Amino acid sequence: MFNIINRKTLRLYISTYRSAETALEVWYNELVNAEYTNFNELKRDFPSASLLGDDRMIFNIKGNEFRLVVRVVFTYRVIQIKWFGTHKEYDRINPLTVSNKSLRK
């Protein structure tokens, strides 16, 4: 099982992108219960996932309408949500440095 940091961040993204709610919840439920030990194992279930560097990955959500950037540390079984948005918004960020700090009020 993975600890996904943090569900509150995911809920904030869902409140902004309502049409992605079901797809994000499915992603969350699959990953929180997963037993992956490396990227290759994860890739079998998420073939469109891409590994960037610094343990960061991109997931295509809702048929690639949205992109989710996370940091996965398999050793510690932790997934940190870094960013979520539309594919068009993704084209304007640097996925290696983006952070969800802009969501915090």
N, C-alpha and C. Protein backbone atom coordinates (compact mmCIF):
# COMPACT_ATOMS: atom_id res chain seq x y z
N MET A 1 0.83 -1.19 0.00
CA MET A 1 0.00 0.00 0.00
C MET A 1 0.88 1.25 0.00
N PHE A 2 0.42 2.27 -0.70
CA PHE A 2 1.13 3.54 -0.77
C PHE A 2 0.44 4.59 0.09
N ASN A 3 1.24 5.46 0.67
CA ASN A 3 0.73 6.64 1.34
C ASN A 3 0.74 7.75 0.31
N ILE A 4 -0.43 8.28 -0.02
CA ILE A 4 -0.52 9.34 -1.02
C ILE A 4 -0.67 10.67 -0.29
N ILE A 5 0.31 11.54 -0.51
CA ILE A 5 0.36 12.84 0.17
C ILE A 5 -0.14 13.89 -0.81
N ASN A 6 -1.13 14.55 -0.60
CA ASN A 6 -2.10 14.29 0.41
C ASN A 6 -3.47 14.32 -0.23
N ARG A 7 -4.40 13.66 0.35
CA ARG A 7 -5.74 13.55 -0.23
C ARG A 7 -6.43 14.91 -0.32
N LYS A 8 -6.12 15.80 0.61
CA LYS A 8 -6.70 17.14 0.58
C LYS A 8 -6.31 17.85 -0.71
N THR A 9 -5.08 17.71 -1.15
CA THR A 9 -4.63 18.30 -2.41
C THR A 9 -5.44 17.75 -3.57
N LEU A 10 -5.66 16.45 -3.56
CA LEU A 10 -6.45 15.82 -4.61
C LEU A 10 -7.87 16.38 -4.62
N ARG A 11 -8.45 16.57 -3.44
CA ARG A 11 -9.81 17.12 -3.35
C ARG A 11 -9.86 18.56 -3.90
N LEU A 12 -8.80 19.33 -3.67
CA LEU A 12 -8.75 20.69 -4.21
C LEU A 12 -8.73 20.67 -5.73
N TYR A 13 -7.96 19.76 -6.30
CA TYR A 13 -7.94 19.64 -7.76
C TYR A 13 -9.31 19.20 -8.28
N ILE A 14 -9.94 18.28 -7.59
CA ILE A 14 -11.27 17.81 -8.01
C ILE A 14 -12.28 18.96 -7.97
N SER A 15 -12.18 19.82 -6.97
CA SER A 15 -13.12 20.95 -6.91
C SER A 15 -12.91 21.93 -8.06
N THR A 16 -11.70 21.97 -8.59
CA THR A 16 -11.40 22.85 -9.73
C THR A 16 -11.75 22.19 -11.06
N TYR A 17 -11.53 20.88 -11.15
CA TYR A 17 -11.74 20.13 -12.39
C TYR A 17 -12.78 19.04 -12.13
N ARG A 18 -14.04 19.44 -12.02
CA ARG A 18 -15.12 18.51 -11.67
C ARG A 18 -15.23 17.32 -12.62
N SER A 19 -14.96 17.52 -13.89
CA SER A 19 -15.12 16.42 -14.86
C SER A 19 -14.07 15.33 -14.67
N ALA A 20 -13.05 15.62 -13.89
CA ALA A 20 -11.99 14.64 -13.64
C ALA A 20 -12.20 13.86 -12.35
N GLU A 21 -13.25 14.15 -11.62
CA GLU A 21 -13.45 13.56 -10.29
C GLU A 21 -13.39 12.04 -10.30
N THR A 22 -14.19 11.40 -11.13
CA THR A 22 -14.23 9.93 -11.13
C THR A 22 -12.88 9.35 -11.51
N ALA A 23 -12.26 9.91 -12.54
CA ALA A 23 -10.96 9.39 -12.99
C ALA A 23 -9.89 9.55 -11.91
N LEU A 24 -9.88 10.67 -11.21
CA LEU A 24 -8.90 10.87 -10.13
C LEU A 24 -9.16 9.94 -8.95
N GLU A 25 -10.42 9.72 -8.63
CA GLU A 25 -10.75 8.80 -7.54
C GLU A 25 -10.33 7.37 -7.89
N VAL A 26 -10.53 6.98 -9.13
CA VAL A 26 -10.11 5.64 -9.57
C VAL A 26 -8.59 5.53 -9.46
N TRP A 27 -7.87 6.55 -9.95
CA TRP A 27 -6.41 6.55 -9.85
C TRP A 27 -5.98 6.42 -8.39
N TYR A 28 -6.57 7.24 -7.52
CA TYR A 28 -6.23 7.21 -6.10
C TYR A 28 -6.46 5.82 -5.50
N ASN A 29 -7.62 5.26 -5.73
CA ASN A 29 -7.95 3.96 -5.14
C ASN A 29 -7.05 2.84 -5.65
N GLU A 30 -6.67 2.91 -6.91
CA GLU A 30 -5.77 1.89 -7.44
C GLU A 30 -4.38 2.01 -6.84
N LEU A 31 -3.87 3.24 -6.71
CA LEU A 31 -2.51 3.43 -6.21
C LEU A 31 -2.40 3.26 -4.71
N VAL A 32 -3.40 3.69 -3.96
CA VAL A 32 -3.31 3.59 -2.51
C VAL A 32 -3.25 2.12 -2.07
N ASN A 33 -3.81 1.23 -2.86
CA ASN A 33 -3.82 -0.19 -2.53
C ASN A 33 -2.76 -1.00 -3.28
N ALA A 34 -1.94 -0.33 -4.06
CA ALA A 34 -0.96 -1.02 -4.91
C ALA A 34 0.23 -1.54 -4.10
N GLU A 35 0.88 -2.55 -4.67
CA GLU A 35 2.06 -3.16 -4.05
C GLU A 35 3.28 -3.07 -4.95
N TYR A 36 3.36 -2.07 -5.81
CA TYR A 36 4.48 -1.94 -6.74
C TYR A 36 5.79 -1.72 -5.99
N THR A 37 6.85 -2.30 -6.51
CA THR A 37 8.17 -2.09 -5.93
C THR A 37 9.09 -1.29 -6.85
N ASN A 38 8.63 -1.05 -8.10
CA ASN A 38 9.43 -0.27 -9.04
C ASN A 38 8.54 0.25 -10.16
N PHE A 39 9.11 1.11 -10.99
CA PHE A 39 8.35 1.73 -12.08
C PHE A 39 7.86 0.71 -13.10
N ASN A 40 8.66 -0.29 -13.40
CA ASN A 40 8.25 -1.29 -14.39
C ASN A 40 6.99 -2.03 -13.97
N GLU A 41 6.85 -2.33 -12.71
CA GLU A 41 5.64 -2.98 -12.21
C GLU A 41 4.44 -2.04 -12.34
N LEU A 42 4.62 -0.78 -11.99
CA LEU A 42 3.55 0.20 -12.10
C LEU A 42 3.14 0.37 -13.57
N LYS A 43 4.12 0.38 -14.45
CA LYS A 43 3.88 0.61 -15.88
C LYS A 43 3.00 -0.49 -16.49
N ARG A 44 3.04 -1.68 -15.94
CA ARG A 44 2.17 -2.75 -16.45
C ARG A 44 0.69 -2.39 -16.30
N ASP A 45 0.34 -1.74 -15.20
CA ASP A 45 -1.05 -1.35 -14.95
C ASP A 45 -1.39 0.05 -15.47
N PHE A 46 -0.37 0.87 -15.65
CA PHE A 46 -0.55 2.24 -16.15
C PHE A 46 0.40 2.45 -17.33
N PRO A 47 0.09 1.85 -18.48
CA PRO A 47 1.02 1.89 -19.61
C PRO A 47 1.32 3.29 -20.14
N SER A 48 0.45 4.25 -19.89
CA SER A 48 0.72 5.60 -20.39
C SER A 48 1.52 6.44 -19.39
N ALA A 49 1.85 5.89 -18.23
CA ALA A 49 2.66 6.62 -17.25
C ALA A 49 4.07 6.82 -17.80
N SER A 50 4.63 8.01 -17.51
CA SER A 50 5.98 8.32 -17.98
C SER A 50 6.84 8.70 -16.79
N LEU A 51 8.07 8.22 -16.81
CA LEU A 51 9.05 8.53 -15.77
C LEU A 51 9.87 9.73 -16.24
N LEU A 52 9.97 10.76 -15.39
CA LEU A 52 10.67 11.99 -15.77
C LEU A 52 12.08 12.09 -15.22
N GLY A 53 12.23 11.83 -13.97
CA GLY A 53 13.47 12.06 -13.23
C GLY A 53 13.08 12.56 -11.86
N ASP A 54 14.02 12.53 -10.90
CA ASP A 54 13.74 12.92 -9.52
C ASP A 54 12.52 12.17 -9.00
N ASP A 55 12.36 10.92 -9.43
CA ASP A 55 11.25 10.06 -9.03
C ASP A 55 9.89 10.60 -9.46
N ARG A 56 9.87 11.55 -10.36
CA ARG A 56 8.60 12.13 -10.83
C ARG A 56 8.04 11.33 -12.00
N MET A 57 6.72 11.25 -12.01
CA MET A 57 5.99 10.55 -13.06
C MET A 57 4.81 11.39 -13.50
N ILE A 58 4.41 11.14 -14.74
CA ILE A 58 3.22 11.77 -15.28
C ILE A 58 2.21 10.67 -15.57
N PHE A 59 0.99 10.88 -15.12
CA PHE A 59 -0.12 9.98 -15.43
C PHE A 59 -1.10 10.71 -16.32
N ASN A 60 -1.55 10.06 -17.36
CA ASN A 60 -2.64 10.59 -18.18
C ASN A 60 -3.94 10.21 -17.49
N ILE A 61 -4.78 11.20 -17.29
CA ILE A 61 -6.04 11.00 -16.58
C ILE A 61 -7.20 11.33 -17.53
N LYS A 62 -8.20 10.49 -17.49
CA LYS A 62 -9.41 10.67 -18.30
C LYS A 62 -9.06 10.76 -19.78
N GLY A 63 -8.40 9.71 -20.26
CA GLY A 63 -8.09 9.63 -21.69
C GLY A 63 -7.14 10.71 -22.16
N ASN A 64 -6.22 11.13 -21.31
CA ASN A 64 -5.22 12.14 -21.62
C ASN A 64 -5.81 13.55 -21.72
N GLU A 65 -7.02 13.73 -21.23
CA GLU A 65 -7.59 15.07 -21.14
C GLU A 65 -6.87 15.88 -20.06
N PHE A 66 -6.41 15.15 -19.03
CA PHE A 66 -5.70 15.77 -17.91
C PHE A 66 -4.37 15.07 -17.70
N ARG A 67 -3.47 15.78 -17.01
CA ARG A 67 -2.18 15.21 -16.63
C ARG A 67 -2.01 15.38 -15.13
N LEU A 68 -1.42 14.35 -14.52
CA LEU A 68 -1.14 14.35 -13.09
C LEU A 68 0.35 14.11 -12.91
N VAL A 69 1.03 15.03 -12.24
CA VAL A 69 2.46 14.90 -11.96
C VAL A 69 2.60 14.53 -10.49
N VAL A 70 3.31 13.44 -10.24
CA VAL A 70 3.54 12.98 -8.87
C VAL A 70 5.00 12.61 -8.69
N ARG A 71 5.40 12.50 -7.44
CA ARG A 71 6.72 11.96 -7.10
C ARG A 71 6.46 10.66 -6.36
N VAL A 72 7.05 9.58 -6.85
CA VAL A 72 6.85 8.25 -6.25
C VAL A 72 8.19 7.77 -5.70
N VAL A 73 8.19 7.45 -4.42
CA VAL A 73 9.38 6.87 -3.80
C VAL A 73 9.00 5.45 -3.38
N PHE A 74 9.37 4.50 -4.22
CA PHE A 74 8.98 3.11 -4.00
C PHE A 74 9.52 2.56 -2.68
N THR A 75 10.74 2.94 -2.33
CA THR A 75 11.37 2.44 -1.11
C THR A 75 10.53 2.74 0.13
N TYR A 76 9.95 3.94 0.16
CA TYR A 76 9.17 4.37 1.32
C TYR A 76 7.66 4.25 1.11
N ARG A 77 7.26 3.78 -0.10
CA ARG A 77 5.85 3.56 -0.42
C ARG A 77 5.04 4.86 -0.31
N VAL A 78 5.62 5.94 -0.87
CA VAL A 78 5.01 7.26 -0.78
C VAL A 78 4.81 7.84 -2.19
N ILE A 79 3.65 8.46 -2.39
CA ILE A 79 3.37 9.20 -3.61
C ILE A 79 2.98 10.62 -3.19
N GLN A 80 3.71 11.59 -3.72
CA GLN A 80 3.43 12.98 -3.42
C GLN A 80 2.85 13.64 -4.67
N ILE A 81 1.67 14.20 -4.53
CA ILE A 81 1.02 14.87 -5.65
C ILE A 81 1.69 16.22 -5.85
N LYS A 82 2.18 16.46 -7.08
CA LYS A 82 2.88 17.70 -7.39
C LYS A 82 2.03 18.69 -8.18
N TRP A 83 1.22 18.16 -9.12
CA TRP A 83 0.47 19.07 -9.98
C TRP A 83 -0.60 18.29 -10.72
N PHE A 84 -1.72 18.97 -11.04
CA PHE A 84 -2.76 18.39 -11.86
C PHE A 84 -3.38 19.49 -12.69
N GLY A 85 -3.67 19.18 -13.96
CA GLY A 85 -4.32 20.15 -14.82
C GLY A 85 -4.62 19.56 -16.18
N THR A 86 -5.13 20.40 -17.04
CA THR A 86 -5.45 19.95 -18.39
C THR A 86 -4.16 19.71 -19.17
N HIS A 87 -4.31 19.00 -20.26
CA HIS A 87 -3.15 18.74 -21.12
C HIS A 87 -2.57 20.06 -21.63
N LYS A 88 -3.43 21.00 -21.97
CA LYS A 88 -2.99 22.31 -22.45
C LYS A 88 -2.22 23.06 -21.35
N GLU A 89 -2.71 23.01 -20.12
CA GLU A 89 -2.01 23.65 -18.99
C GLU A 89 -0.66 22.99 -18.74
N TYR A 90 -0.63 21.67 -18.91
CA TYR A 90 0.62 20.93 -18.71
C TYR A 90 1.72 21.44 -19.64
N ASP A 91 1.35 21.82 -20.85
CA ASP A 91 2.33 22.30 -21.81
C ASP A 91 3.01 23.59 -21.36
N ARG A 92 2.45 24.27 -20.35
CA ARG A 92 3.01 25.54 -19.87
C ARG A 92 3.81 25.41 -18.57
N ILE A 93 3.99 24.19 -18.07
CA ILE A 93 4.73 24.01 -16.81
C ILE A 93 6.01 23.21 -17.05
N ASN A 94 6.88 23.22 -16.06
CA ASN A 94 8.04 22.34 -16.07
C ASN A 94 7.73 21.22 -15.07
N PRO A 95 7.43 20.01 -15.56
CA PRO A 95 7.02 18.94 -14.64
C PRO A 95 8.12 18.50 -13.67
N LEU A 96 9.36 18.86 -13.93
CA LEU A 96 10.44 18.50 -13.02
C LEU A 96 10.55 19.43 -11.82
N THR A 97 9.92 20.61 -11.92
CA THR A 97 10.03 21.56 -10.81
C THR A 97 8.68 22.03 -10.27
N VAL A 98 7.60 21.72 -10.96
CA VAL A 98 6.28 22.20 -10.54
C VAL A 98 5.93 21.67 -9.16
N SER A 99 5.18 22.49 -8.42
CA SER A 99 4.76 22.12 -7.08
C SER A 99 3.32 22.54 -6.87
N ASN A 100 2.63 21.87 -5.96
CA ASN A 100 1.24 22.23 -5.69
C ASN A 100 1.12 23.35 -4.67
N LYS A 101 2.21 24.02 -4.32
CA LYS A 101 2.16 25.06 -3.29
C LYS A 101 1.19 26.18 -3.64
N SER A 102 0.96 26.38 -4.93
CA SER A 102 0.03 27.44 -5.32
C SER A 102 -1.39 27.16 -4.86
N LEU A 103 -1.70 25.90 -4.54
CA LEU A 103 -3.04 25.56 -4.06
C LEU A 103 -3.25 25.94 -2.60
N ARG A 104 -2.17 26.05 -1.85
CA ARG A 104 -2.29 26.32 -0.42
C ARG A 104 -2.61 27.78 -0.18
N LYS A 105 -3.56 27.99 0.66
CA LYS A 105 -3.98 29.37 0.97
C LYS A 105 -3.47 29.76 2.34
